[in-house]
Amino acid sequence: VAIAVVGLFADTIVAAVERKHYPEALASARDVPLARSLRMGLGSA
């Protein structure tokens, strides 16, 4: 349950880490749509 839930907000965490430590990667990253995040989280669970 915890991994499925955090998967919904994972983009925010990843972006925060990239903003601080990997700004060049953040510049080329693309946001993961909510539907895909939900699919990945439910798949994990």
PDB file of all heavy atoms in Angstrom:
ATOM      1  N   VAL A   1       0.830  -1.210   0.000  1.00  0.00           N
ATOM      2  CA  VAL A   1       0.000   0.000   0.000  1.00  0.00           C
ATOM      3  C   VAL A   1       0.863   1.259   0.000  1.00  0.00           C
ATOM      4  O   VAL A   1       0.611   2.207  -0.752  1.00  0.00           O
ATOM      5  CB  VAL A   1      -0.947  -0.003   1.220  1.00  0.00           C
ATOM      6  CG1 VAL A   1      -1.698   1.318   1.328  1.00  0.00           C
ATOM      7  CG2 VAL A   1      -1.931  -1.162   1.124  1.00  0.00           C
ATOM      8  N   ALA A   2       1.915   1.265   0.824  1.00  0.00           N
ATOM      9  CA  ALA A   2       2.760   2.456   0.946  1.00  0.00           C
ATOM     10  C   ALA A   2       3.457   2.792  -0.364  1.00  0.00           C
ATOM     11  O   ALA A   2       3.526   3.968  -0.760  1.00  0.00           O
ATOM     12  CB  ALA A   2       3.784   2.256   2.060  1.00  0.00           C
ATOM     13  N   ILE A   3       3.986   1.777  -1.064  1.00  0.00           N
ATOM     14  CA  ILE A   3       4.673   2.023  -2.328  1.00  0.00           C
ATOM     15  C   ILE A   3       3.679   2.445  -3.402  1.00  0.00           C
ATOM     16  O   ILE A   3       3.957   3.332  -4.221  1.00  0.00           O
ATOM     17  CB  ILE A   3       5.464   0.781  -2.773  1.00  0.00           C
ATOM     18  CG1 ILE A   3       6.677   0.593  -1.862  1.00  0.00           C
ATOM     19  CG2 ILE A   3       5.924   0.922  -4.217  1.00  0.00           C
ATOM     20  CD1 ILE A   3       7.695   1.729  -1.928  1.00  0.00           C
ATOM     21  N   ALA A   4       2.493   1.826  -3.414  1.00  0.00           N
ATOM     22  CA  ALA A   4       1.467   2.218  -4.387  1.00  0.00           C
ATOM     23  C   ALA A   4       1.067   3.677  -4.182  1.00  0.00           C
ATOM     24  O   ALA A   4       0.903   4.431  -5.148  1.00  0.00           O
ATOM     25  CB  ALA A   4       0.255   1.306  -4.256  1.00  0.00           C
ATOM     26  N   VAL A   5       0.933   4.090  -2.921  1.00  0.00           N
ATOM     27  CA  VAL A   5       0.530   5.473  -2.623  1.00  0.00           C
ATOM     28  C   VAL A   5       1.632   6.454  -2.977  1.00  0.00           C
ATOM     29  O   VAL A   5       1.403   7.476  -3.624  1.00  0.00           O
ATOM     30  CB  VAL A   5       0.140   5.611  -1.132  1.00  0.00           C
ATOM     31  CG1 VAL A   5      -0.002   7.081  -0.746  1.00  0.00           C
ATOM     32  CG2 VAL A   5      -1.166   4.868  -0.865  1.00  0.00           C
ATOM     33  N   VAL A   6       2.864   6.158  -2.540  1.00  0.00           N
ATOM     34  CA  VAL A   6       3.954   7.098  -2.807  1.00  0.00           C
ATOM     35  C   VAL A   6       4.232   7.186  -4.306  1.00  0.00           C
ATOM     36  O   VAL A   6       4.730   8.210  -4.800  1.00  0.00           O
ATOM     37  CB  VAL A   6       5.226   6.704  -2.034  1.00  0.00           C
ATOM     38  CG1 VAL A   6       6.041   5.660  -2.776  1.00  0.00           C
ATOM     39  CG2 VAL A   6       6.088   7.933  -1.747  1.00  0.00           C
ATOM     40  N   GLY A   7       3.872   6.123  -5.052  1.00  0.00           N
ATOM     41  CA  GLY A   7       4.030   6.163  -6.496  1.00  0.00           C
ATOM     42  C   GLY A   7       3.220   7.275  -7.140  1.00  0.00           C
ATOM     43  O   GLY A   7       3.610   7.811  -8.185  1.00  0.00           O
ATOM     44  N   LEU A   8       2.097   7.641  -6.514  1.00  0.00           N
ATOM     45  CA  LEU A   8       1.274   8.721  -7.037  1.00  0.00           C
ATOM     46  C   LEU A   8       1.991  10.070  -6.954  1.00  0.00           C
ATOM     47  O   LEU A   8       1.744  10.974  -7.761  1.00  0.00           O
ATOM     48  CB  LEU A   8      -0.052   8.807  -6.263  1.00  0.00           C
ATOM     49  CG  LEU A   8      -0.986   7.599  -6.372  1.00  0.00           C
ATOM     50  CD1 LEU A   8      -2.185   7.791  -5.458  1.00  0.00           C
ATOM     51  CD2 LEU A   8      -1.435   7.404  -7.815  1.00  0.00           C
ATOM     52  N   PHE A   9       2.876  10.203  -5.957  1.00  0.00           N
ATOM     53  CA  PHE A   9       3.561  11.475  -5.728  1.00  0.00           C
ATOM     54  C   PHE A   9       5.063  11.377  -6.004  1.00  0.00           C
ATOM     55  O   PHE A   9       5.807  12.309  -5.697  1.00  0.00           O
ATOM     56  CB  PHE A   9       3.357  11.921  -4.273  1.00  0.00           C
ATOM     57  CG  PHE A   9       1.929  11.862  -3.808  1.00  0.00           C
ATOM     58  CD1 PHE A   9       1.521  10.923  -2.862  1.00  0.00           C
ATOM     59  CD2 PHE A   9       0.987  12.731  -4.313  1.00  0.00           C
ATOM     60  CE1 PHE A   9       0.212  10.863  -2.430  1.00  0.00           C
ATOM     61  CE2 PHE A   9      -0.338  12.683  -3.891  1.00  0.00           C
ATOM     62  CZ  PHE A   9      -0.725  11.745  -2.947  1.00  0.00           C
ATOM     63  N   ALA A  10       5.485  10.244  -6.573  1.00  0.00           N
ATOM     64  CA  ALA A  10       6.923  10.026  -6.759  1.00  0.00           C
ATOM     65  C   ALA A  10       7.558  11.092  -7.632  1.00  0.00           C
ATOM     66  O   ALA A  10       8.716  11.471  -7.412  1.00  0.00           O
ATOM     67  CB  ALA A  10       7.156   8.638  -7.373  1.00  0.00           C
ATOM     68  N   ASP A  11       6.821  11.587  -8.622  1.00  0.00           N
ATOM     69  CA  ASP A  11       7.373  12.595  -9.520  1.00  0.00           C
ATOM     70  C   ASP A  11       7.857  13.820  -8.746  1.00  0.00           C
ATOM     71  O   ASP A  11       8.884  14.414  -9.082  1.00  0.00           O
ATOM     72  CB  ASP A  11       6.306  13.016 -10.538  1.00  0.00           C
ATOM     73  CG  ASP A  11       6.816  12.878 -11.962  1.00  0.00           C
ATOM     74  OD1 ASP A  11       7.707  12.038 -12.184  1.00  0.00           O
ATOM     75  OD2 ASP A  11       6.343  13.615 -12.836  1.00  0.00           O
ATOM     76  N   THR A  12       7.112  14.189  -7.709  1.00  0.00           N
ATOM     77  CA  THR A  12       7.485  15.357  -6.905  1.00  0.00           C
ATOM     78  C   THR A  12       8.791  15.111  -6.160  1.00  0.00           C
ATOM     79  O   THR A  12       9.660  15.993  -6.093  1.00  0.00           O
ATOM     80  CB  THR A  12       6.369  15.686  -5.898  1.00  0.00           C
ATOM     81  OG1 THR A  12       5.138  15.915  -6.605  1.00  0.00           O
ATOM     82  CG2 THR A  12       6.717  16.929  -5.087  1.00  0.00           C
ATOM     83  N   ILE A  13       8.937  13.911  -5.585  1.00  0.00           N
ATOM     84  CA  ILE A  13      10.168  13.581  -4.855  1.00  0.00           C
ATOM     85  C   ILE A  13      11.356  13.542  -5.813  1.00  0.00           C
ATOM     86  O   ILE A  13      12.411  14.119  -5.543  1.00  0.00           O
ATOM     87  CB  ILE A  13      10.029  12.217  -4.147  1.00  0.00           C
ATOM     88  CG1 ILE A  13       8.871  12.239  -3.151  1.00  0.00           C
ATOM     89  CG2 ILE A  13      11.325  11.849  -3.429  1.00  0.00           C
ATOM     90  CD1 ILE A  13       8.558  10.889  -2.559  1.00  0.00           C
ATOM     91  N   VAL A  14      11.185  12.848  -6.941  1.00  0.00           N
ATOM     92  CA  VAL A  14      12.275  12.725  -7.912  1.00  0.00           C
ATOM     93  C   VAL A  14      12.686  14.099  -8.422  1.00  0.00           C
ATOM     94  O   VAL A  14      13.878  14.409  -8.532  1.00  0.00           O
ATOM     95  CB  VAL A  14      11.853  11.809  -9.080  1.00  0.00           C
ATOM     96  CG1 VAL A  14      12.957  11.754 -10.135  1.00  0.00           C
ATOM     97  CG2 VAL A  14      11.551  10.399  -8.569  1.00  0.00           C
ATOM     98  N   ALA A  15      11.700  14.949  -8.719  1.00  0.00           N
ATOM     99  CA  ALA A  15      12.010  16.298  -9.211  1.00  0.00           C
ATOM    100  C   ALA A  15      12.761  17.113  -8.162  1.00  0.00           C
ATOM    101  O   ALA A  15      13.677  17.876  -8.493  1.00  0.00           O
ATOM    102  CB  ALA A  15      10.720  17.009  -9.614  1.00  0.00           C
ATOM    103  N   ALA A  16      12.394  16.944  -6.894  1.00  0.00           N
ATOM    104  CA  ALA A  16      13.072  17.688  -5.818  1.00  0.00           C
ATOM    105  C   ALA A  16      14.532  17.259  -5.702  1.00  0.00           C
ATOM    106  O   ALA A  16      15.425  18.104  -5.532  1.00  0.00           O
ATOM    107  CB  ALA A  16      12.346  17.460  -4.493  1.00  0.00           C
ATOM    108  N   VAL A  17      14.780  15.949  -5.800  1.00  0.00           N
ATOM    109  CA  VAL A  17      16.162  15.454  -5.737  1.00  0.00           C
ATOM    110  C   VAL A  17      16.946  15.912  -6.963  1.00  0.00           C
ATOM    111  O   VAL A  17      18.108  16.345  -6.853  1.00  0.00           O
ATOM    112  CB  VAL A  17      16.180  13.916  -5.627  1.00  0.00           C
ATOM    113  CG1 VAL A  17      17.607  13.384  -5.693  1.00  0.00           C
ATOM    114  CG2 VAL A  17      15.519  13.470  -4.323  1.00  0.00           C
ATOM    115  N   GLU A  18      16.328  15.841  -8.129  1.00  0.00           N
ATOM    116  CA  GLU A  18      17.012  16.269  -9.350  1.00  0.00           C
ATOM    117  C   GLU A  18      17.296  17.768  -9.332  1.00  0.00           C
ATOM    118  O   GLU A  18      18.348  18.211  -9.806  1.00  0.00           O
ATOM    119  CB  GLU A  18      16.176  15.897 -10.577  1.00  0.00           C
ATOM    120  CG  GLU A  18      16.124  14.403 -10.825  1.00  0.00           C
ATOM    121  CD  GLU A  18      15.265  14.015 -12.016  1.00  0.00           C
ATOM    122  OE1 GLU A  18      14.449  14.865 -12.455  1.00  0.00           O
ATOM    123  OE2 GLU A  18      15.399  12.871 -12.492  1.00  0.00           O
ATOM    124  N   ARG A  19      16.377  18.534  -8.792  1.00  0.00           N
ATOM    125  CA  ARG A  19      16.567  19.985  -8.731  1.00  0.00           C
ATOM    126  C   ARG A  19      17.791  20.339  -7.900  1.00  0.00           C
ATOM    127  O   ARG A  19      18.541  21.261  -8.228  1.00  0.00           O
ATOM    128  CB  ARG A  19      15.321  20.639  -8.141  1.00  0.00           C
ATOM    129  CG  ARG A  19      15.318  22.167  -8.188  1.00  0.00           C
ATOM    130  CD  ARG A  19      14.005  22.719  -7.665  1.00  0.00           C
ATOM    131  NE  ARG A  19      12.883  22.245  -8.465  1.00  0.00           N
ATOM    132  CZ  ARG A  19      11.941  21.415  -8.025  1.00  0.00           C
ATOM    133  NH1 ARG A  19      11.991  20.935  -6.781  1.00  0.00           N
ATOM    134  NH2 ARG A  19      10.968  21.025  -8.821  1.00  0.00           N
ATOM    135  N   LYS A  20      18.017  19.601  -6.842  1.00  0.00           N
ATOM    136  CA  LYS A  20      19.134  19.893  -5.950  1.00  0.00           C
ATOM    137  C   LYS A  20      20.441  19.282  -6.416  1.00  0.00           C
ATOM    138  O   LYS A  20      21.502  19.916  -6.305  1.00  0.00           O
ATOM    139  CB  LYS A  20      18.807  19.393  -4.541  1.00  0.00           C
ATOM    140  CG  LYS A  20      19.891  19.705  -3.516  1.00  0.00           C
ATOM    141  CD  LYS A  20      19.446  19.320  -2.106  1.00  0.00           C
ATOM    142  CE  LYS A  20      20.526  19.684  -1.086  1.00  0.00           C
ATOM    143  NZ  LYS A  20      20.088  19.363   0.304  1.00  0.00           N
ATOM    144  N   HIS A  21      20.394  18.049  -6.934  1.00  0.00           N
ATOM    145  CA  HIS A  21      21.632  17.314  -7.217  1.00  0.00           C
ATOM    146  C   HIS A  21      21.909  17.083  -8.702  1.00  0.00           C
ATOM    147  O   HIS A  21      23.071  16.911  -9.082  1.00  0.00           O
ATOM    148  CB  HIS A  21      21.601  15.957  -6.508  1.00  0.00           C
ATOM    149  CG  HIS A  21      21.541  16.053  -5.018  1.00  0.00           C
ATOM    150  ND1 HIS A  21      22.651  16.313  -4.237  1.00  0.00           N
ATOM    151  CD2 HIS A  21      20.482  15.921  -4.153  1.00  0.00           C
ATOM    152  CE1 HIS A  21      22.293  16.339  -2.951  1.00  0.00           C
ATOM    153  NE2 HIS A  21      20.989  16.096  -2.878  1.00  0.00           N
ATOM    154  N   TYR A  22      20.856  17.063  -9.530  1.00  0.00           N
ATOM    155  CA  TYR A  22      21.043  16.732 -10.949  1.00  0.00           C
ATOM    156  C   TYR A  22      20.245  17.704 -11.822  1.00  0.00           C
ATOM    157  O   TYR A  22      19.324  17.279 -12.547  1.00  0.00           O
ATOM    158  CB  TYR A  22      20.603  15.284 -11.215  1.00  0.00           C
ATOM    159  CG  TYR A  22      21.155  14.294 -10.206  1.00  0.00           C
ATOM    160  CD1 TYR A  22      20.364  13.841  -9.144  1.00  0.00           C
ATOM    161  CD2 TYR A  22      22.467  13.836 -10.302  1.00  0.00           C
ATOM    162  CE1 TYR A  22      20.870  12.958  -8.210  1.00  0.00           C
ATOM    163  CE2 TYR A  22      22.982  12.942  -9.364  1.00  0.00           C
ATOM    164  CZ  TYR A  22      22.181  12.513  -8.323  1.00  0.00           C
ATOM    165  OH  TYR A  22      22.690  11.640  -7.385  1.00  0.00           O
ATOM    166  N   PRO A  23      20.546  18.989 -11.766  1.00  0.00           N
ATOM    167  CA  PRO A  23      19.752  19.978 -12.505  1.00  0.00           C
ATOM    168  C   PRO A  23      19.749  19.765 -14.011  1.00  0.00           C
ATOM    169  O   PRO A  23      18.760  20.077 -14.684  1.00  0.00           O
ATOM    170  CB  PRO A  23      20.419  21.313 -12.132  1.00  0.00           C
ATOM    171  CG  PRO A  23      21.786  20.948 -11.643  1.00  0.00           C
ATOM    172  CD  PRO A  23      21.647  19.608 -11.004  1.00  0.00           C
ATOM    173  N   GLU A  24      20.848  19.220 -14.551  1.00  0.00           N
ATOM    174  CA  GLU A  24      20.894  18.985 -15.989  1.00  0.00           C
ATOM    175  C   GLU A  24      19.904  17.889 -16.395  1.00  0.00           C
ATOM    176  O   GLU A  24      19.301  17.932 -17.472  1.00  0.00           O
ATOM    177  CB  GLU A  24      22.319  18.612 -16.434  1.00  0.00           C
ATOM    178  CG  GLU A  24      22.830  17.249 -16.014  1.00  0.00           C
ATOM    179  CD  GLU A  24      23.164  17.122 -14.527  1.00  0.00           C
ATOM    180  OE1 GLU A  24      23.209  18.163 -13.843  1.00  0.00           O
ATOM    181  OE2 GLU A  24      23.401  15.990 -14.068  1.00  0.00           O
ATOM    182  N   ALA A  25      19.694  16.910 -15.517  1.00  0.00           N
ATOM    183  CA  ALA A  25      18.720  15.849 -15.797  1.00  0.00           C
ATOM    184  C   ALA A  25      17.297  16.378 -15.657  1.00  0.00           C
ATOM    185  O   ALA A  25      16.405  16.003 -16.426  1.00  0.00           O
ATOM    186  CB  ALA A  25      18.935  14.673 -14.855  1.00  0.00           C
ATOM    187  N   LEU A  26      17.081  17.267 -14.692  1.00  0.00           N
ATOM    188  CA  LEU A  26      15.748  17.844 -14.501  1.00  0.00           C
ATOM    189  C   LEU A  26      15.313  18.612 -15.738  1.00  0.00           C
ATOM    190  O   LEU A  26      14.132  18.598 -16.110  1.00  0.00           O
ATOM    191  CB  LEU A  26      15.756  18.761 -13.278  1.00  0.00           C
ATOM    192  CG  LEU A  26      14.436  19.471 -12.958  1.00  0.00           C
ATOM    193  CD1 LEU A  26      13.358  18.460 -12.600  1.00  0.00           C
ATOM    194  CD2 LEU A  26      14.620  20.466 -11.812  1.00  0.00           C
ATOM    195  N   ALA A  27      16.258  19.278 -16.373  1.00  0.00           N
ATOM    196  CA  ALA A  27      15.933  20.099 -17.545  1.00  0.00           C
ATOM    197  C   ALA A  27      15.390  19.262 -18.692  1.00  0.00           C
ATOM    198  O   ALA A  27      14.564  19.736 -19.488  1.00  0.00           O
ATOM    199  CB  ALA A  27      17.169  20.871 -18.002  1.00  0.00           C
ATOM    200  N   SER A  28      15.827  18.006 -18.807  1.00  0.00           N
ATOM    201  CA  SER A  28      15.388  17.154 -19.913  1.00  0.00           C
ATOM    202  C   SER A  28      14.323  16.141 -19.500  1.00  0.00           C
ATOM    203  O   SER A  28      13.876  15.335 -20.338  1.00  0.00           O
ATOM    204  CB  SER A  28      16.594  16.410 -20.503  1.00  0.00           C
ATOM    205  OG  SER A  28      17.187  15.564 -19.518  1.00  0.00           O
ATOM    206  N   ALA A  29      13.921  16.143 -18.219  1.00  0.00           N
ATOM    207  CA  ALA A  29      12.936  15.167 -17.734  1.00  0.00           C
ATOM    208  C   ALA A  29      11.539  15.516 -18.236  1.00  0.00           C
ATOM    209  O   ALA A  29      11.235  16.672 -18.549  1.00  0.00           O
ATOM    210  CB  ALA A  29      12.950  15.129 -16.214  1.00  0.00           C
ATOM    211  N   ARG A  30      10.691  14.505 -18.295  1.00  0.00           N
ATOM    212  CA  ARG A  30       9.294  14.738 -18.645  1.00  0.00           C
ATOM    213  C   ARG A  30       8.420  14.227 -17.500  1.00  0.00           C
ATOM    214  O   ARG A  30       8.715  13.181 -16.904  1.00  0.00           O
ATOM    215  CB  ARG A  30       8.935  14.033 -19.951  1.00  0.00           C
ATOM    216  CG  ARG A  30       9.214  12.542 -19.972  1.00  0.00           C
ATOM    217  CD  ARG A  30       8.859  11.938 -21.328  1.00  0.00           C
ATOM    218  NE  ARG A  30       9.163  10.519 -21.368  1.00  0.00           N
ATOM    219  CZ  ARG A  30      10.337  10.021 -21.737  1.00  0.00           C
ATOM    220  NH1 ARG A  30      11.312  10.848 -22.097  1.00  0.00           N
ATOM    221  NH2 ARG A  30      10.548   8.709 -21.752  1.00  0.00           N
ATOM    222  N   ASP A  31       7.382  14.970 -17.196  1.00  0.00           N
ATOM    223  CA  ASP A  31       6.483  14.580 -16.111  1.00  0.00           C
ATOM    224  C   ASP A  31       5.772  13.276 -16.461  1.00  0.00           C
ATOM    225  O   ASP A  31       5.407  13.038 -17.620  1.00  0.00           O
ATOM    226  CB  ASP A  31       5.447  15.674 -15.853  1.00  0.00           C
ATOM    227  CG  ASP A  31       6.073  16.932 -15.282  1.00  0.00           C
ATOM    228  OD1 ASP A  31       7.162  16.834 -14.689  1.00  0.00           O
ATOM    229  OD2 ASP A  31       5.480  18.017 -15.443  1.00  0.00           O
ATOM    230  N   VAL A  32       5.590  12.445 -15.445  1.00  0.00           N
ATOM    231  CA  VAL A  32       4.858  11.184 -15.635  1.00  0.00           C
ATOM    232  C   VAL A  32       3.377  11.455 -15.374  1.00  0.00           C
ATOM    233  O   VAL A  32       3.015  11.936 -14.295  1.00  0.00           O
ATOM    234  CB  VAL A  32       5.365  10.095 -14.664  1.00  0.00           C
ATOM    235  CG1 VAL A  32       4.579   8.805 -14.858  1.00  0.00           C
ATOM    236  CG2 VAL A  32       6.853   9.848 -14.886  1.00  0.00           C
ATOM    237  N   PRO A  33       2.501  11.197 -16.354  1.00  0.00           N
ATOM    238  CA  PRO A  33       1.065  11.453 -16.147  1.00  0.00           C
ATOM    239  C   PRO A  33       0.523  10.693 -14.939  1.00  0.00           C
ATOM    240  O   PRO A  33       1.014   9.603 -14.602  1.00  0.00           O
ATOM    241  CB  PRO A  33       0.432  10.942 -17.451  1.00  0.00           C
ATOM    242  CG  PRO A  33       1.539  10.957 -18.458  1.00  0.00           C
ATOM    243  CD  PRO A  33       2.795  10.651 -17.684  1.00  0.00           C
ATOM    244  N   LEU A  34      -0.487  11.274 -14.306  1.00  0.00           N
ATOM    245  CA  LEU A  34      -1.079  10.651 -13.119  1.00  0.00           C
ATOM    246  C   LEU A  34      -1.593   9.250 -13.425  1.00  0.00           C
ATOM    247  O   LEU A  34      -1.439   8.337 -12.613  1.00  0.00           O
ATOM    248  CB  LEU A  34      -2.212  11.522 -12.581  1.00  0.00           C
ATOM    249  CG  LEU A  34      -2.935  11.001 -11.332  1.00  0.00           C
ATOM    250  CD1 LEU A  34      -1.964  10.855 -10.167  1.00  0.00           C
ATOM    251  CD2 LEU A  34      -4.094  11.920 -10.954  1.00  0.00           C
ATOM    252  N   ALA A  35      -2.180   9.074 -14.605  1.00  0.00           N
ATOM    253  CA  ALA A  35      -2.728   7.761 -14.954  1.00  0.00           C
ATOM    254  C   ALA A  35      -1.618   6.715 -15.004  1.00  0.00           C
ATOM    255  O   ALA A  35      -1.795   5.575 -14.555  1.00  0.00           O
ATOM    256  CB  ALA A  35      -3.438   7.831 -16.305  1.00  0.00           C
ATOM    257  N   ARG A  36      -0.459   7.087 -15.540  1.00  0.00           N
ATOM    258  CA  ARG A  36       0.653   6.140 -15.603  1.00  0.00           C
ATOM    259  C   ARG A  36       1.217   5.869 -14.211  1.00  0.00           C
ATOM    260  O   ARG A  36       1.562   4.733 -13.887  1.00  0.00           O
ATOM    261  CB  ARG A  36       1.763   6.676 -16.518  1.00  0.00           C
ATOM    262  CG  ARG A  36       2.854   5.639 -16.762  1.00  0.00           C
ATOM    263  CD  ARG A  36       3.934   6.143 -17.690  1.00  0.00           C
ATOM    264  NE  ARG A  36       4.939   5.111 -17.932  1.00  0.00           N
ATOM    265  CZ  ARG A  36       6.086   5.322 -18.565  1.00  0.00           C
ATOM    266  NH1 ARG A  36       6.361   6.539 -19.047  1.00  0.00           N
ATOM    267  NH2 ARG A  36       6.936   4.339 -18.732  1.00  0.00           N
ATOM    268  N   SER A  37       1.298   6.915 -13.376  1.00  0.00           N
ATOM    269  CA  SER A  37       1.767   6.728 -12.001  1.00  0.00           C
ATOM    270  C   SER A  37       0.845   5.782 -11.244  1.00  0.00           C
ATOM    271  O   SER A  37       1.307   4.907 -10.503  1.00  0.00           O
ATOM    272  CB  SER A  37       1.830   8.082 -11.275  1.00  0.00           C
ATOM    273  OG  SER A  37       2.789   8.928 -11.858  1.00  0.00           O
ATOM    274  N   LEU A  38      -0.459   5.968 -11.441  1.00  0.00           N
ATOM    275  CA  LEU A  38      -1.434   5.094 -10.779  1.00  0.00           C
ATOM    276  C   LEU A  38      -1.283   3.662 -11.275  1.00  0.00           C
ATOM    277  O   LEU A  38      -1.319   2.714 -10.480  1.00  0.00           O
ATOM    278  CB  LEU A  38      -2.848   5.610 -11.048  1.00  0.00           C
ATOM    279  CG  LEU A  38      -3.995   4.825 -10.405  1.00  0.00           C
ATOM    280  CD1 LEU A  38      -3.866   4.810  -8.893  1.00  0.00           C
ATOM    281  CD2 LEU A  38      -5.334   5.416 -10.821  1.00  0.00           C
ATOM    282  N   ARG A  39      -1.095   3.503 -12.577  1.00  0.00           N
ATOM    283  CA  ARG A  39      -0.927   2.167 -13.158  1.00  0.00           C
ATOM    284  C   ARG A  39       0.320   1.484 -12.612  1.00  0.00           C
ATOM    285  O   ARG A  39       0.304   0.299 -12.269  1.00  0.00           O
ATOM    286  CB  ARG A  39      -0.865   2.299 -14.675  1.00  0.00           C
ATOM    287  CG  ARG A  39      -1.071   0.998 -15.427  1.00  0.00           C
ATOM    288  CD  ARG A  39      -1.414   1.254 -16.895  1.00  0.00           C
ATOM    289  NE  ARG A  39      -0.392   2.036 -17.571  1.00  0.00           N
ATOM    290  CZ  ARG A  39      -0.575   3.266 -18.045  1.00  0.00           C
ATOM    291  NH1 ARG A  39      -1.760   3.867 -17.885  1.00  0.00           N
ATOM    292  NH2 ARG A  39       0.397   3.907 -18.664  1.00  0.00           N
ATOM    293  N   MET A  40       1.410   2.243 -12.523  1.00  0.00           N
ATOM    294  CA  MET A  40       2.659   1.687 -11.999  1.00  0.00           C
ATOM    295  C   MET A  40       2.516   1.325 -10.525  1.00  0.00           C
ATOM    296  O   MET A  40       3.006   0.286 -10.073  1.00  0.00           O
ATOM    297  CB  MET A  40       3.796   2.686 -12.204  1.00  0.00           C
ATOM    298  CG  MET A  40       4.210   2.858 -13.657  1.00  0.00           C
ATOM    299  SD  MET A  40       5.342   4.268 -13.926  1.00  0.00           S
ATOM    300  CE  MET A  40       6.750   3.743 -12.931  1.00  0.00           C
ATOM    301  N   GLY A  41       1.843   2.198  -9.740  1.00  0.00           N
ATOM    302  CA  GLY A  41       1.663   1.931  -8.316  1.00  0.00           C
ATOM    303  C   GLY A  41       0.811   0.697  -8.067  1.00  0.00           C
ATOM    304  O   GLY A  41       1.142  -0.146  -7.224  1.00  0.00           O
ATOM    305  N   LEU A  42      -0.298   0.575  -8.812  1.00  0.00           N
ATOM    306  CA  LEU A  42      -1.154  -0.603  -8.658  1.00  0.00           C
ATOM    307  C   LEU A  42      -0.447  -1.860  -9.146  1.00  0.00           C
ATOM    308  O   LEU A  42      -0.621  -2.940  -8.573  1.00  0.00           O
ATOM    309  CB  LEU A  42      -2.460  -0.391  -9.432  1.00  0.00           C
ATOM    310  CG  LEU A  42      -3.402   0.680  -8.876  1.00  0.00           C
ATOM    311  CD1 LEU A  42      -4.615   0.857  -9.777  1.00  0.00           C
ATOM    312  CD2 LEU A  42      -3.841   0.337  -7.456  1.00  0.00           C
ATOM    313  N   GLY A  43       0.369  -1.720 -10.199  1.00  0.00           N
ATOM    314  CA  GLY A  43       1.147  -2.861 -10.684  1.00  0.00           C
ATOM    315  C   GLY A  43       2.133  -3.335  -9.642  1.00  0.00           C
ATOM    316  O   GLY A  43       2.328  -4.541  -9.447  1.00  0.00           O
ATOM    317  N   SER A  44       2.772  -2.375  -8.953  1.00  0.00           N
ATOM    318  CA  SER A  44       3.712  -2.715  -7.885  1.00  0.00           C
ATOM    319  C   SER A  44       3.015  -3.476  -6.763  1.00  0.00           C
ATOM    320  O   SER A  44       3.499  -4.516  -6.298  1.00  0.00           O
ATOM    321  CB  SER A  44       4.345  -1.434  -7.329  1.00  0.00           C
ATOM    322  OG  SER A  44       5.092  -1.697  -6.165  1.00  0.00           O
ATOM    323  N   ALA A  45       1.873  -2.956  -6.320  1.00  0.00           N
ATOM    324  CA  ALA A  45       1.129  -3.615  -5.249  1.00  0.00           C
ATOM    325  C   ALA A  45       0.650  -4.998  -5.681  1.00  0.00           C
ATOM    326  O   ALA A  45       0.727  -5.966  -4.920  1.00  0.00           O
ATOM    327  CB  ALA A  45      -0.065  -2.754  -4.833  1.00  0.00           C
TER     328      ALA A  45
END
